[in-house]
N, C-alpha and C. Protein backbone atom coordinates (compact mmCIF):
# COMPACT_ATOMS: atom_id res chain seq x y z
N UNK A 1 0.81 -1.22 -0.05
CA UNK A 1 0.01 0.08 -0.14
C UNK A 1 0.90 1.32 -0.02
N UNK A 2 2.07 1.12 0.47
CA UNK A 2 2.99 2.20 0.81
C UNK A 2 3.51 2.62 -0.57
N UNK A 3 3.86 1.57 -1.47
CA UNK A 3 4.30 1.82 -2.80
C UNK A 3 3.16 2.53 -3.75
N UNK A 4 1.80 2.16 -3.58
CA UNK A 4 0.80 2.58 -4.30
C UNK A 4 0.65 4.17 -3.98
N UNK A 5 0.69 4.52 -2.70
CA UNK A 5 0.52 5.78 -2.20
C UNK A 5 1.62 6.78 -2.98
N UNK A 6 2.80 6.27 -2.94
CA UNK A 6 3.88 7.01 -3.61
C UNK A 6 3.71 7.24 -4.99
N UNK A 7 3.05 6.25 -5.75
CA UNK A 7 2.56 6.37 -7.12
C UNK A 7 1.69 7.45 -7.34
N UNK A 8 0.70 7.57 -6.42
CA UNK A 8 -0.33 8.69 -6.61
C UNK A 8 0.38 10.02 -6.29
N UNK A 9 1.21 10.02 -5.40
CA UNK A 9 2.01 11.28 -5.13
C UNK A 9 2.75 11.79 -6.29
N UNK A 10 3.47 10.86 -7.01
CA UNK A 10 4.16 11.40 -8.32
C UNK A 10 3.25 11.84 -9.36
N UNK A 11 2.07 11.23 -9.41
CA UNK A 11 1.06 11.66 -10.53
C UNK A 11 0.55 13.12 -10.01
N UNK A 12 0.32 13.27 -8.76
CA UNK A 12 -0.24 14.59 -8.37
C UNK A 12 0.95 15.67 -8.43
N UNK A 13 2.27 15.20 -8.15
CA UNK A 13 3.26 16.22 -8.52
C UNK A 13 3.36 16.63 -9.96
N UNK A 14 3.27 15.53 -10.87
CA UNK A 14 3.38 15.85 -12.18
C UNK A 14 2.18 16.70 -12.81
N UNK A 15 1.03 16.62 -12.14
CA UNK A 15 -0.18 17.37 -12.59
C UNK A 15 0.10 18.79 -12.04
N UNK A 16 0.51 18.87 -10.92
CA UNK A 16 0.72 20.26 -10.19
C UNK A 16 1.87 21.04 -11.11
N UNK A 17 2.82 20.32 -11.51
CA UNK A 17 4.00 20.93 -12.25
C UNK A 17 3.42 21.28 -13.62
N UNK A 18 2.61 20.47 -14.21
CA UNK A 18 1.99 20.75 -15.51
C UNK A 18 0.95 22.04 -15.39
N UNK A 19 0.34 22.09 -14.39
CA UNK A 19 -0.53 23.22 -14.09
C UNK A 19 0.13 24.48 -13.81
N UNK A 20 1.31 24.40 -13.28
CA UNK A 20 2.23 25.64 -12.96
C UNK A 20 2.70 25.95 -14.25
N UNK A 21 3.20 25.10 -15.10
CA UNK A 21 3.76 25.51 -16.49
C UNK A 21 2.57 26.26 -17.18
N UNK A 22 1.32 25.70 -17.28
CA UNK A 22 0.21 26.25 -18.14
C UNK A 22 0.05 27.60 -17.43
N UNK A 23 -0.11 27.78 -16.18
CA UNK A 23 -0.44 29.18 -15.57
C UNK A 23 0.64 30.07 -16.05
N UNK A 24 2.05 29.64 -15.93
CA UNK A 24 3.14 30.50 -16.31
C UNK A 24 2.93 30.89 -17.70
N UNK A 25 2.69 30.02 -18.62
CA UNK A 25 2.51 30.39 -20.10
C UNK A 25 1.19 31.46 -20.21
N UNK A 26 0.21 31.24 -19.54
CA UNK A 26 -0.97 32.03 -19.55
C UNK A 26 -0.56 33.55 -19.07
N UNK A 27 0.01 33.67 -18.05
CA UNK A 27 0.53 34.95 -17.56
C UNK A 27 1.47 35.57 -18.57
N UNK A 28 2.45 34.82 -19.22
CA UNK A 28 3.32 35.40 -20.10
C UNK A 28 2.54 35.91 -21.18
N UNK A 29 1.39 35.09 -21.67
CA UNK A 29 0.72 35.44 -22.92
C UNK A 29 -0.08 36.92 -22.50
N UNK A 30 -0.67 36.86 -21.27
CA UNK A 30 -1.39 38.10 -20.95
C UNK A 30 -0.56 39.31 -21.04
N UNK A 31 0.70 39.23 -20.42
CA UNK A 31 1.58 40.28 -20.20
C UNK A 31 2.11 40.62 -21.67
N UNK A 32 2.23 39.69 -22.53
CA UNK A 32 2.49 40.16 -23.94
C UNK A 32 1.48 40.83 -24.62
N UNK A 33 0.26 40.58 -24.45
CA UNK A 33 -0.98 41.31 -24.84
C UNK A 33 -0.93 42.53 -24.44
N UNK A 34 -0.70 42.76 -23.05
CA UNK A 34 -0.78 44.07 -22.42
C UNK A 34 0.21 44.96 -22.95
N UNK A 35 1.52 44.40 -23.21
CA UNK A 35 2.59 45.19 -23.75
C UNK A 35 2.33 45.64 -25.12
N UNK A 36 1.82 44.63 -25.93
CA UNK A 36 1.41 45.13 -27.33
C UNK A 36 0.44 46.21 -27.33
N UNK A 37 -0.68 46.04 -26.50
CA UNK A 37 -1.77 47.11 -26.42
C UNK A 37 -1.13 48.44 -25.94
N UNK A 38 0.02 48.39 -25.02
CA UNK A 38 0.60 49.55 -24.57
C UNK A 38 1.24 50.24 -25.62
N UNK A 39 1.93 49.42 -26.40
CA UNK A 39 2.91 49.86 -27.54
C UNK A 39 1.94 50.49 -28.62
N UNK A 40 0.91 49.93 -28.80
CA UNK A 40 -0.10 50.24 -29.90
C UNK A 40 -0.71 51.70 -29.56
N UNK A 41 -0.99 51.76 -28.15
CA UNK A 41 -1.49 53.14 -27.66
C UNK A 41 -0.53 54.12 -27.71
N UNK A 42 0.64 53.75 -27.42
CA UNK A 42 1.74 54.60 -27.45
C UNK A 42 2.10 55.37 -28.82
N UNK A 43 2.09 54.32 -29.77
CA UNK A 43 2.39 54.68 -31.22
C UNK A 43 1.15 55.57 -31.76
N UNK A 44 -0.10 55.34 -31.38
CA UNK A 44 -1.27 56.10 -31.74
C UNK A 44 -1.18 57.37 -31.08
N UNK A 45 -0.81 57.49 -29.81
CA UNK A 45 -0.55 59.02 -29.14
C UNK A 45 0.43 59.69 -30.00
N UNK A 46 1.67 59.01 -30.21
CA UNK A 46 2.60 59.75 -30.92
C UNK A 46 2.02 60.21 -32.25
N UNK A 47 1.24 59.32 -32.99
CA UNK A 47 0.72 59.78 -34.32
C UNK A 47 -0.21 61.03 -34.09
N UNK A 48 -1.02 60.99 -33.15
CA UNK A 48 -2.09 62.10 -32.90
C UNK A 48 -1.34 63.40 -32.43
N UNK A 49 -0.26 63.16 -31.68
CA UNK A 49 0.54 64.38 -31.26
C UNK A 49 1.11 65.02 -32.53
N UNK A 50 1.60 64.18 -33.43
CA UNK A 50 2.28 64.71 -34.68
C UNK A 50 1.20 65.26 -35.60
N UNK A 51 0.05 64.64 -35.54
CA UNK A 51 -1.08 65.26 -36.37
C UNK A 51 -1.48 66.74 -35.86
N UNK A 52 -1.73 66.66 -34.52
CA UNK A 52 -2.00 68.19 -33.94
C UNK A 52 -0.88 69.04 -34.24
N UNK A 53 0.37 68.78 -34.13
CA UNK A 53 1.37 69.82 -34.57
C UNK A 53 1.19 70.18 -36.06
N UNK A 54 0.88 69.14 -36.90
CA UNK A 54 0.99 69.61 -38.39
C UNK A 54 -0.18 70.46 -38.55
N UNK A 55 -1.39 70.15 -37.89
CA UNK A 55 -2.56 71.00 -38.09
C UNK A 55 -2.35 72.41 -37.50
N UNK A 56 -1.65 72.40 -36.26
CA UNK A 56 -1.43 73.66 -35.65
C UNK A 56 -0.52 74.54 -36.45
N UNK A 57 0.35 73.97 -37.19
CA UNK A 57 1.41 74.75 -38.00
C UNK A 57 0.67 75.25 -39.19
N UNK A 58 -0.15 74.41 -39.82
CA UNK A 58 -0.80 74.88 -40.98
C UNK A 58 -1.87 76.10 -40.61
N UNK A 59 -2.63 75.78 -39.57
CA UNK A 59 -3.41 76.91 -39.11
C UNK A 59 -2.75 78.28 -38.91
N UNK A 60 -1.43 78.06 -38.29
CA UNK A 60 -0.77 79.34 -37.92
C UNK A 60 -0.41 80.13 -39.46
N UNK A 61 -0.04 79.27 -40.26
CA UNK A 61 0.38 79.83 -41.51
C UNK A 61 -0.81 80.51 -42.38
N UNK A 62 -2.03 79.71 -42.15
CA UNK A 62 -3.35 80.36 -42.61
C UNK A 62 -3.58 81.66 -42.13
N UNK A 63 -3.57 81.61 -40.70
CA UNK A 63 -3.91 82.88 -39.86
C UNK A 63 -2.98 83.99 -40.33
N UNK A 64 -1.62 83.72 -40.54
CA UNK A 64 -0.88 84.74 -40.75
C UNK A 64 -1.13 85.32 -42.26
N UNK A 65 -1.38 84.46 -43.25
CA UNK A 65 -1.78 84.91 -44.45
C UNK A 65 -3.06 85.79 -44.39
N UNK A 66 -3.99 85.47 -43.80
CA UNK A 66 -5.11 86.18 -43.56
C UNK A 66 -4.86 87.53 -43.08
N UNK A 67 -4.07 87.62 -42.00
CA UNK A 67 -3.69 88.72 -41.26
C UNK A 67 -2.92 89.83 -42.34
N UNK A 68 -1.99 89.25 -43.05
CA UNK A 68 -1.17 89.81 -44.11
C UNK A 68 -2.19 90.59 -45.09
N UNK A 69 -3.29 90.05 -45.39
CA UNK A 69 -4.28 90.53 -46.45
C UNK A 69 -5.48 91.52 -45.78
N UNK A 70 -5.25 91.63 -44.45
CA UNK A 70 -6.28 92.42 -43.83
C UNK A 70 -7.56 91.64 -43.63
N UNK A 71 -7.52 90.27 -43.82
CA UNK A 71 -8.81 89.52 -43.88
C UNK A 71 -9.10 88.67 -42.54
N UNK A 72 -8.30 88.97 -41.55
CA UNK A 72 -8.27 88.14 -40.27
C UNK A 72 -9.68 88.38 -39.61
N UNK A 73 -10.48 89.45 -39.92
CA UNK A 73 -11.85 89.43 -39.24
C UNK A 73 -12.80 88.61 -39.85
N UNK A 74 -12.40 87.84 -41.04
CA UNK A 74 -13.40 86.93 -41.58
C UNK A 74 -13.44 85.62 -40.97
N UNK A 75 -12.52 85.27 -40.19
CA UNK A 75 -12.41 84.00 -39.53
C UNK A 75 -11.86 83.97 -38.15
N UNK A 76 -12.03 83.02 -37.47
CA UNK A 76 -11.51 82.85 -36.09
C UNK A 76 -10.85 81.38 -36.15
N UNK A 77 -9.72 81.16 -35.23
CA UNK A 77 -9.02 79.95 -35.12
C UNK A 77 -9.09 79.21 -33.83
N UNK A 78 -9.27 77.95 -33.79
CA UNK A 78 -9.20 77.24 -32.65
C UNK A 78 -8.08 76.22 -32.76
N UNK A 79 -6.84 76.48 -32.35
CA UNK A 79 -5.72 75.52 -32.53
C UNK A 79 -6.03 74.18 -32.09
N UNK A 80 -6.33 74.30 -30.73
CA UNK A 80 -6.46 72.76 -30.07
C UNK A 80 -7.57 72.05 -30.72
N UNK A 81 -8.47 72.50 -31.22
CA UNK A 81 -9.73 71.67 -31.87
C UNK A 81 -9.27 71.56 -33.36
N UNK A 82 -8.28 72.19 -33.89
CA UNK A 82 -7.81 71.91 -35.40
C UNK A 82 -9.25 72.56 -36.24
N UNK A 83 -9.45 73.71 -35.91
CA UNK A 83 -10.85 74.22 -36.49
C UNK A 83 -10.61 75.73 -36.94
N UNK A 84 -11.12 75.93 -38.06
CA UNK A 84 -11.25 77.47 -38.61
C UNK A 84 -12.73 77.77 -38.75
N UNK A 85 -13.18 78.82 -38.17
CA UNK A 85 -14.50 79.15 -38.21
C UNK A 85 -14.70 80.46 -39.21
N UNK A 86 -15.52 80.19 -40.26
CA UNK A 86 -15.73 81.32 -41.25
C UNK A 86 -16.98 82.08 -40.73
N UNK A 87 -16.90 83.22 -40.45
CA UNK A 87 -17.96 84.16 -39.83
C UNK A 87 -18.90 84.43 -40.94
N UNK A 88 -20.01 85.04 -40.39
CA UNK A 88 -21.14 85.40 -41.34
C UNK A 88 -20.69 86.45 -42.52
N UNK A 89 -19.63 87.26 -42.15
CA UNK A 89 -19.40 88.20 -43.19
C UNK A 89 -18.58 87.61 -44.30
N UNK A 90 -18.23 86.38 -44.35
CA UNK A 90 -17.50 85.72 -45.37
C UNK A 90 -18.60 85.66 -46.72
N UNK A 91 -19.98 85.72 -46.22
CA UNK A 91 -20.97 85.51 -47.28
C UNK A 91 -21.71 86.79 -47.42
N UNK A 92 -22.43 87.06 -48.59
CA UNK A 92 -23.14 88.17 -48.68
C UNK A 92 -24.54 88.03 -47.97
N UNK A 93 -25.16 89.03 -47.38
CA UNK A 93 -26.21 88.88 -46.47
C UNK A 93 -27.43 87.89 -47.08
N UNK A 94 -27.72 87.08 -46.37
CA UNK A 94 -28.88 86.20 -46.63
C UNK A 94 -28.59 85.35 -47.89
N UNK A 95 -27.10 85.18 -48.15
CA UNK A 95 -26.78 84.37 -49.32
C UNK A 95 -25.76 83.55 -49.13
N UNK A 96 -25.60 82.52 -50.10
CA UNK A 96 -24.40 81.62 -50.05
C UNK A 96 -23.15 82.10 -50.82
N UNK A 97 -23.38 83.22 -51.67
CA UNK A 97 -22.31 83.88 -52.27
C UNK A 97 -21.15 84.46 -51.37
N UNK A 98 -19.90 83.95 -51.74
CA UNK A 98 -18.84 84.35 -50.90
C UNK A 98 -18.28 85.75 -51.44
N UNK A 99 -17.85 86.51 -50.51
CA UNK A 99 -17.54 88.03 -50.78
C UNK A 99 -16.16 87.85 -51.69
N UNK A 100 -15.83 88.84 -52.31
CA UNK A 100 -14.62 89.02 -53.10
C UNK A 100 -13.40 88.83 -52.13
N UNK A 101 -13.52 89.67 -51.03
CA UNK A 101 -12.29 89.60 -50.11
C UNK A 101 -12.02 88.06 -49.56
N UNK A 102 -13.10 87.44 -49.23
CA UNK A 102 -12.96 86.12 -48.68
C UNK A 102 -12.40 85.19 -49.69
N UNK A 103 -12.91 85.38 -50.94
CA UNK A 103 -12.42 84.45 -51.97
C UNK A 103 -11.01 84.63 -52.27
N UNK A 104 -10.54 85.93 -52.33
CA UNK A 104 -9.11 86.20 -52.51
C UNK A 104 -8.19 85.46 -51.44
N UNK A 105 -8.69 85.84 -50.24
CA UNK A 105 -8.00 85.14 -49.04
C UNK A 105 -7.98 83.74 -49.01
N UNK A 106 -9.03 82.97 -49.35
CA UNK A 106 -8.79 81.54 -49.40
C UNK A 106 -8.01 80.94 -50.52
N UNK A 107 -8.03 81.63 -51.59
CA UNK A 107 -7.31 81.22 -52.82
C UNK A 107 -5.88 81.42 -52.34
N UNK A 108 -5.42 82.17 -51.54
CA UNK A 108 -4.11 82.34 -51.23
C UNK A 108 -3.56 81.27 -50.37
N UNK A 109 -4.54 80.43 -49.56
CA UNK A 109 -4.11 79.52 -48.69
C UNK A 109 -4.36 78.05 -49.23
N UNK A 110 -4.84 78.09 -50.45
CA UNK A 110 -5.25 76.69 -50.98
C UNK A 110 -3.94 75.86 -50.99
N UNK A 111 -2.74 76.33 -51.35
CA UNK A 111 -1.44 75.30 -51.34
C UNK A 111 -1.23 74.67 -49.92
N UNK A 112 -1.50 75.37 -48.86
CA UNK A 112 -1.25 74.91 -47.60
C UNK A 112 -2.44 73.80 -47.35
N UNK A 113 -3.57 73.94 -47.69
CA UNK A 113 -4.62 72.96 -47.44
C UNK A 113 -4.35 71.65 -48.53
N UNK A 114 -3.98 71.95 -49.55
CA UNK A 114 -3.60 70.85 -50.39
C UNK A 114 -2.38 70.07 -49.98
N UNK A 115 -1.42 70.74 -49.45
CA UNK A 115 -0.23 69.95 -48.82
C UNK A 115 -0.73 69.12 -47.59
N UNK A 116 -1.59 69.74 -46.76
CA UNK A 116 -2.14 68.98 -45.63
C UNK A 116 -2.80 67.51 -46.24
N UNK A 117 -3.62 67.70 -47.10
CA UNK A 117 -4.19 66.42 -47.55
C UNK A 117 -3.32 65.45 -48.20
N UNK A 118 -2.29 65.94 -48.85
CA UNK A 118 -1.18 65.24 -49.51
C UNK A 118 -0.31 64.52 -48.49
N UNK A 119 -0.08 65.05 -47.33
CA UNK A 119 0.81 64.69 -46.21
C UNK A 119 0.07 63.76 -45.25
N UNK A 120 -1.25 63.85 -45.37
CA UNK A 120 -2.09 62.76 -44.44
C UNK A 120 -2.95 62.01 -45.33
N UNK A 121 -2.53 60.93 -45.76
CA UNK A 121 -3.15 59.99 -46.64
C UNK A 121 -4.63 59.69 -46.23
N UNK A 122 -4.86 59.73 -44.96
CA UNK A 122 -6.19 59.42 -44.54
C UNK A 122 -6.94 60.67 -43.82
N UNK A 123 -6.36 61.84 -44.04
CA UNK A 123 -6.78 63.00 -43.48
C UNK A 123 -8.05 63.39 -44.30
N UNK A 124 -9.14 64.11 -43.44
CA UNK A 124 -10.22 64.54 -43.94
C UNK A 124 -10.41 65.97 -43.57
N UNK A 125 -11.31 66.77 -44.32
CA UNK A 125 -11.74 68.10 -44.05
C UNK A 125 -13.18 68.07 -43.72
N UNK A 126 -13.84 68.40 -42.76
CA UNK A 126 -15.22 68.54 -42.53
C UNK A 126 -15.77 70.00 -42.65
N UNK A 127 -16.58 70.36 -43.52
CA UNK A 127 -16.96 71.76 -43.63
C UNK A 127 -18.43 71.65 -43.22
N UNK A 128 -18.88 72.40 -42.20
CA UNK A 128 -20.24 72.44 -41.56
C UNK A 128 -20.84 73.75 -41.39
N UNK A 129 -22.01 73.74 -42.14
CA UNK A 129 -22.69 75.13 -41.97
C UNK A 129 -23.67 75.20 -40.91
N UNK A 130 -23.90 76.33 -40.36
CA UNK A 130 -24.85 76.58 -39.26
C UNK A 130 -25.44 77.98 -39.40
N UNK A 131 -26.78 78.02 -38.89
CA UNK A 131 -27.34 79.27 -38.89
C UNK A 131 -27.93 79.83 -37.52
N UNK A 132 -28.45 80.90 -37.52
CA UNK A 132 -29.26 81.14 -36.19
C UNK A 132 -30.73 80.58 -36.17
N UNK A 133 -31.45 80.92 -35.33
CA UNK A 133 -32.74 80.20 -35.30
C UNK A 133 -33.84 81.06 -35.80
N UNK A 134 -33.49 82.27 -36.42
CA UNK A 134 -34.46 83.07 -37.01
C UNK A 134 -34.93 82.48 -38.38
N UNK A 135 -36.26 82.08 -38.43
CA UNK A 135 -36.74 81.33 -39.49
C UNK A 135 -36.70 82.23 -40.77
N UNK A 136 -36.46 81.55 -41.98
CA UNK A 136 -36.59 82.17 -43.35
C UNK A 136 -38.02 82.59 -43.70
N UNK A 137 -38.30 83.75 -43.89
CA UNK A 137 -39.70 84.24 -44.06
C UNK A 137 -40.19 83.96 -45.49
N UNK A 138 -39.24 84.24 -46.36
CA UNK A 138 -39.78 84.01 -47.86
C UNK A 138 -38.69 83.37 -48.62
N UNK A 139 -39.02 82.24 -49.24
CA UNK A 139 -38.27 81.50 -50.06
C UNK A 139 -37.40 82.29 -50.93
N UNK A 140 -36.11 81.82 -51.07
CA UNK A 140 -35.16 82.56 -52.07
C UNK A 140 -34.88 81.51 -53.19
N UNK A 141 -35.36 82.26 -54.29
CA UNK A 141 -35.43 81.33 -55.71
C UNK A 141 -34.30 81.84 -56.75
N UNK A 142 -33.87 83.12 -56.50
CA UNK A 142 -32.85 83.77 -57.49
C UNK A 142 -31.45 83.10 -57.30
N UNK A 143 -31.19 81.83 -57.97
CA UNK A 143 -29.83 81.42 -57.84
C UNK A 143 -28.76 82.25 -58.17
N UNK A 144 -28.94 82.97 -59.35
CA UNK A 144 -27.97 83.86 -59.87
C UNK A 144 -27.42 84.80 -58.78
N UNK A 145 -28.44 85.32 -58.13
CA UNK A 145 -28.08 86.38 -57.14
C UNK A 145 -27.65 85.90 -55.83
N UNK A 146 -28.16 84.85 -55.34
CA UNK A 146 -27.91 84.20 -53.93
C UNK A 146 -27.00 83.11 -54.15
N UNK A 147 -26.60 82.51 -55.23
CA UNK A 147 -25.81 81.31 -55.31
C UNK A 147 -26.44 80.06 -54.82
N UNK A 148 -27.76 80.13 -54.63
CA UNK A 148 -28.57 78.90 -53.92
C UNK A 148 -29.95 79.47 -54.01
N UNK A 149 -30.89 78.32 -53.81
CA UNK A 149 -32.13 78.71 -53.51
C UNK A 149 -32.53 77.77 -52.20
N UNK A 150 -33.25 78.53 -51.34
CA UNK A 150 -33.51 77.90 -50.24
C UNK A 150 -34.86 78.52 -49.56
N UNK A 151 -35.51 77.76 -48.61
CA UNK A 151 -36.61 78.10 -47.84
C UNK A 151 -36.59 77.73 -46.58
N UNK A 152 -35.52 77.24 -46.07
CA UNK A 152 -35.20 77.17 -44.73
C UNK A 152 -33.77 77.14 -44.30
N UNK A 153 -33.51 77.26 -43.00
CA UNK A 153 -32.13 77.51 -42.52
C UNK A 153 -31.23 76.32 -42.81
N UNK A 154 -31.80 75.13 -42.88
CA UNK A 154 -30.92 73.84 -43.17
C UNK A 154 -30.25 73.98 -44.61
N UNK A 155 -31.13 74.22 -45.44
CA UNK A 155 -30.79 74.41 -46.91
C UNK A 155 -29.74 75.64 -47.21
N UNK A 156 -29.89 76.65 -46.44
CA UNK A 156 -29.11 77.80 -46.51
C UNK A 156 -27.61 77.34 -45.85
N UNK A 157 -27.63 76.59 -44.74
CA UNK A 157 -26.43 76.44 -44.08
C UNK A 157 -25.57 75.36 -44.85
N UNK A 158 -26.25 74.21 -45.50
CA UNK A 158 -25.60 73.44 -46.49
C UNK A 158 -25.17 74.15 -47.69
N UNK A 159 -25.74 75.20 -48.18
CA UNK A 159 -25.40 75.82 -49.27
C UNK A 159 -24.08 76.62 -49.08
N UNK A 160 -24.03 77.35 -47.95
CA UNK A 160 -22.95 78.08 -47.44
C UNK A 160 -21.80 77.11 -47.38
N UNK A 161 -21.83 75.98 -46.73
CA UNK A 161 -20.92 74.83 -46.47
C UNK A 161 -20.37 74.53 -47.77
N UNK A 162 -21.22 74.22 -48.70
CA UNK A 162 -20.92 73.79 -50.02
C UNK A 162 -20.00 74.84 -50.95
N UNK A 163 -20.27 76.10 -50.57
CA UNK A 163 -19.61 77.25 -51.36
C UNK A 163 -18.25 77.30 -50.66
N UNK A 164 -18.26 77.15 -49.42
CA UNK A 164 -16.88 77.30 -48.61
C UNK A 164 -16.10 76.05 -49.05
N UNK A 165 -16.52 74.83 -49.30
CA UNK A 165 -15.98 73.64 -49.82
C UNK A 165 -15.24 74.04 -51.12
N UNK A 166 -16.02 74.65 -51.97
CA UNK A 166 -15.46 75.18 -53.33
C UNK A 166 -14.20 75.99 -53.15
N UNK A 167 -14.24 76.91 -52.20
CA UNK A 167 -12.94 77.63 -51.90
C UNK A 167 -11.86 76.78 -51.38
N UNK A 168 -12.10 75.74 -50.65
CA UNK A 168 -11.07 75.02 -50.05
C UNK A 168 -10.34 74.12 -51.08
N UNK A 169 -11.28 73.54 -52.04
CA UNK A 169 -10.66 72.60 -52.83
C UNK A 169 -10.03 73.16 -54.12
N UNK A 170 -10.48 74.35 -54.41
CA UNK A 170 -9.74 74.95 -55.46
C UNK A 170 -9.35 74.22 -56.86
N UNK A 171 -8.13 74.03 -57.08
CA UNK A 171 -7.71 73.08 -58.19
C UNK A 171 -7.33 71.76 -57.89
N UNK A 172 -7.77 71.20 -56.70
CA UNK A 172 -7.40 69.86 -56.21
C UNK A 172 -8.01 68.88 -57.17
N UNK A 173 -7.39 67.62 -57.27
CA UNK A 173 -7.81 66.54 -58.07
C UNK A 173 -9.25 66.09 -57.60
N UNK A 174 -9.97 65.50 -58.31
CA UNK A 174 -11.27 64.86 -57.78
C UNK A 174 -11.18 63.96 -56.68
N UNK A 175 -9.99 63.19 -56.89
CA UNK A 175 -9.70 62.11 -55.79
C UNK A 175 -9.43 62.65 -54.50
N UNK A 176 -8.64 63.77 -54.35
CA UNK A 176 -8.40 64.45 -53.07
C UNK A 176 -9.44 65.28 -52.57
N UNK A 177 -10.29 65.91 -53.60
CA UNK A 177 -11.40 66.73 -53.01
C UNK A 177 -12.39 65.91 -52.47
N UNK A 178 -12.52 64.60 -52.70
CA UNK A 178 -13.44 63.77 -52.15
C UNK A 178 -13.32 63.64 -50.59
N UNK A 179 -12.12 64.02 -50.21
CA UNK A 179 -11.90 64.03 -48.67
C UNK A 179 -12.35 65.22 -47.98
N UNK A 180 -12.86 66.13 -48.75
CA UNK A 180 -13.46 67.42 -48.11
C UNK A 180 -15.00 67.25 -47.97
N UNK A 181 -15.61 67.20 -46.95
CA UNK A 181 -16.86 66.56 -46.69
C UNK A 181 -17.83 67.84 -46.27
N UNK A 182 -19.06 68.03 -46.80
CA UNK A 182 -19.87 68.95 -46.46
C UNK A 182 -21.06 68.47 -45.66
N UNK A 183 -21.56 69.30 -44.70
CA UNK A 183 -22.91 69.03 -44.03
C UNK A 183 -23.49 70.23 -43.70
N UNK A 184 -24.87 70.32 -43.54
CA UNK A 184 -25.49 71.64 -43.16
C UNK A 184 -26.52 71.28 -41.91
N UNK A 185 -26.24 71.98 -40.83
CA UNK A 185 -26.86 71.58 -39.61
C UNK A 185 -27.98 72.68 -39.25
N UNK A 186 -28.21 73.79 -40.07
CA UNK A 186 -29.17 74.71 -39.67
C UNK A 186 -28.96 75.41 -38.52
N UNK A 187 -30.09 75.56 -37.74
CA UNK A 187 -30.05 76.21 -36.33
C UNK A 187 -29.81 75.10 -35.17
N UNK A 188 -29.54 73.89 -35.53
CA UNK A 188 -29.66 72.88 -34.49
C UNK A 188 -28.27 72.79 -33.65
N UNK A 189 -27.44 73.59 -33.86
CA UNK A 189 -26.21 73.53 -33.03
C UNK A 189 -25.86 75.07 -32.70
N UNK A 190 -26.56 75.69 -31.85
CA UNK A 190 -26.22 77.05 -31.46
C UNK A 190 -24.76 77.11 -30.58
N UNK A 191 -24.00 78.19 -30.60
CA UNK A 191 -22.92 78.29 -30.00
C UNK A 191 -23.17 78.33 -28.53
N UNK A 192 -22.43 77.62 -27.72
CA UNK A 192 -22.62 77.56 -26.15
C UNK A 192 -22.78 79.10 -25.45
N UNK A 193 -23.80 79.16 -24.69
CA UNK A 193 -23.91 80.38 -23.84
C UNK A 193 -24.36 81.55 -24.85
N UNK A 194 -24.80 81.25 -26.12
CA UNK A 194 -25.33 82.38 -27.10
C UNK A 194 -26.74 82.11 -27.33
N UNK A 195 -27.59 83.14 -27.36
CA UNK A 195 -29.06 82.98 -27.73
C UNK A 195 -29.04 82.47 -29.15
N UNK A 196 -29.88 81.38 -29.36
CA UNK A 196 -29.98 80.67 -30.69
C UNK A 196 -30.25 81.69 -31.79
N UNK A 197 -30.94 82.81 -31.45
CA UNK A 197 -31.32 83.81 -32.48
C UNK A 197 -30.12 84.70 -32.67
N UNK A 198 -29.10 84.75 -31.94
CA UNK A 198 -27.95 85.59 -32.31
C UNK A 198 -27.32 85.39 -33.56
N UNK A 199 -26.89 86.56 -34.28
CA UNK A 199 -26.27 86.25 -35.63
C UNK A 199 -24.92 85.60 -35.59
N UNK A 200 -24.33 85.57 -34.32
CA UNK A 200 -23.00 84.97 -34.25
C UNK A 200 -23.19 83.47 -34.66
N UNK A 201 -24.37 82.89 -34.46
CA UNK A 201 -24.41 81.40 -34.79
C UNK A 201 -24.46 81.22 -36.40
N UNK A 202 -24.46 82.21 -37.14
CA UNK A 202 -24.39 81.99 -38.70
C UNK A 202 -22.84 81.89 -38.91
N UNK A 203 -22.52 80.84 -39.24
CA UNK A 203 -21.04 80.39 -39.37
C UNK A 203 -20.66 79.15 -40.18
N UNK A 204 -19.66 78.87 -40.70
CA UNK A 204 -19.12 77.82 -41.28
C UNK A 204 -17.91 77.30 -40.79
N UNK A 205 -17.91 75.99 -40.01
CA UNK A 205 -16.72 75.58 -39.29
C UNK A 205 -16.14 74.46 -40.14
N UNK A 206 -14.84 74.62 -40.30
CA UNK A 206 -13.84 73.78 -41.17
C UNK A 206 -13.02 72.99 -40.11
N UNK A 207 -13.03 71.66 -40.03
CA UNK A 207 -12.28 70.94 -39.17
C UNK A 207 -11.37 69.98 -39.79
N UNK A 208 -10.15 69.89 -39.30
CA UNK A 208 -9.23 69.16 -40.00
C UNK A 208 -8.90 67.86 -39.02
N UNK A 209 -9.21 66.86 -39.68
CA UNK A 209 -9.28 65.42 -38.98
C UNK A 209 -8.37 64.47 -39.73
N UNK A 210 -7.68 63.51 -38.87
CA UNK A 210 -6.83 62.40 -39.39
C UNK A 210 -7.74 61.42 -39.64
């Protein structure tokens, strides 16, 4: 009986050893996965930081170009958000037509925008139109005069975003221009802390994204 007990003890030791090895391999696998996830996150953070620096540098150049032309009152810049806001005076009153001053200013920075899209293979530009909450009283049907037809704020905001996009893409190829996307939000996104009816809500925001 003593020899039989020793035999079972040996089997138990073997199973315990095998279990220990399995547990060790499992721990190693978990640590490897965690390390890989950490490295992936680290690389992603580095990429995002580089992207932010690229956008900030581009926006600084665009801001300087506008200032040199005396057109800095047409736009505002949010470097951290990677965003340029086209103010209401970029467009003729109640219209989607871009003023001559704004057109000249944007034509001068087209190379900067083209370079951004070329250097960021997956980069996109979102052009988003917004209005105040004052309703459109009378439908606008004279396209030649207003560069659009509209009967509500959503249509007007989309038309203004469309015309802003045309400024941005300039002479870009069709393939590159597809990465410049338009949306019209009407009066659904007023600026924080501002009366929805305030004219400051009439704007087009241009966001640069990776």
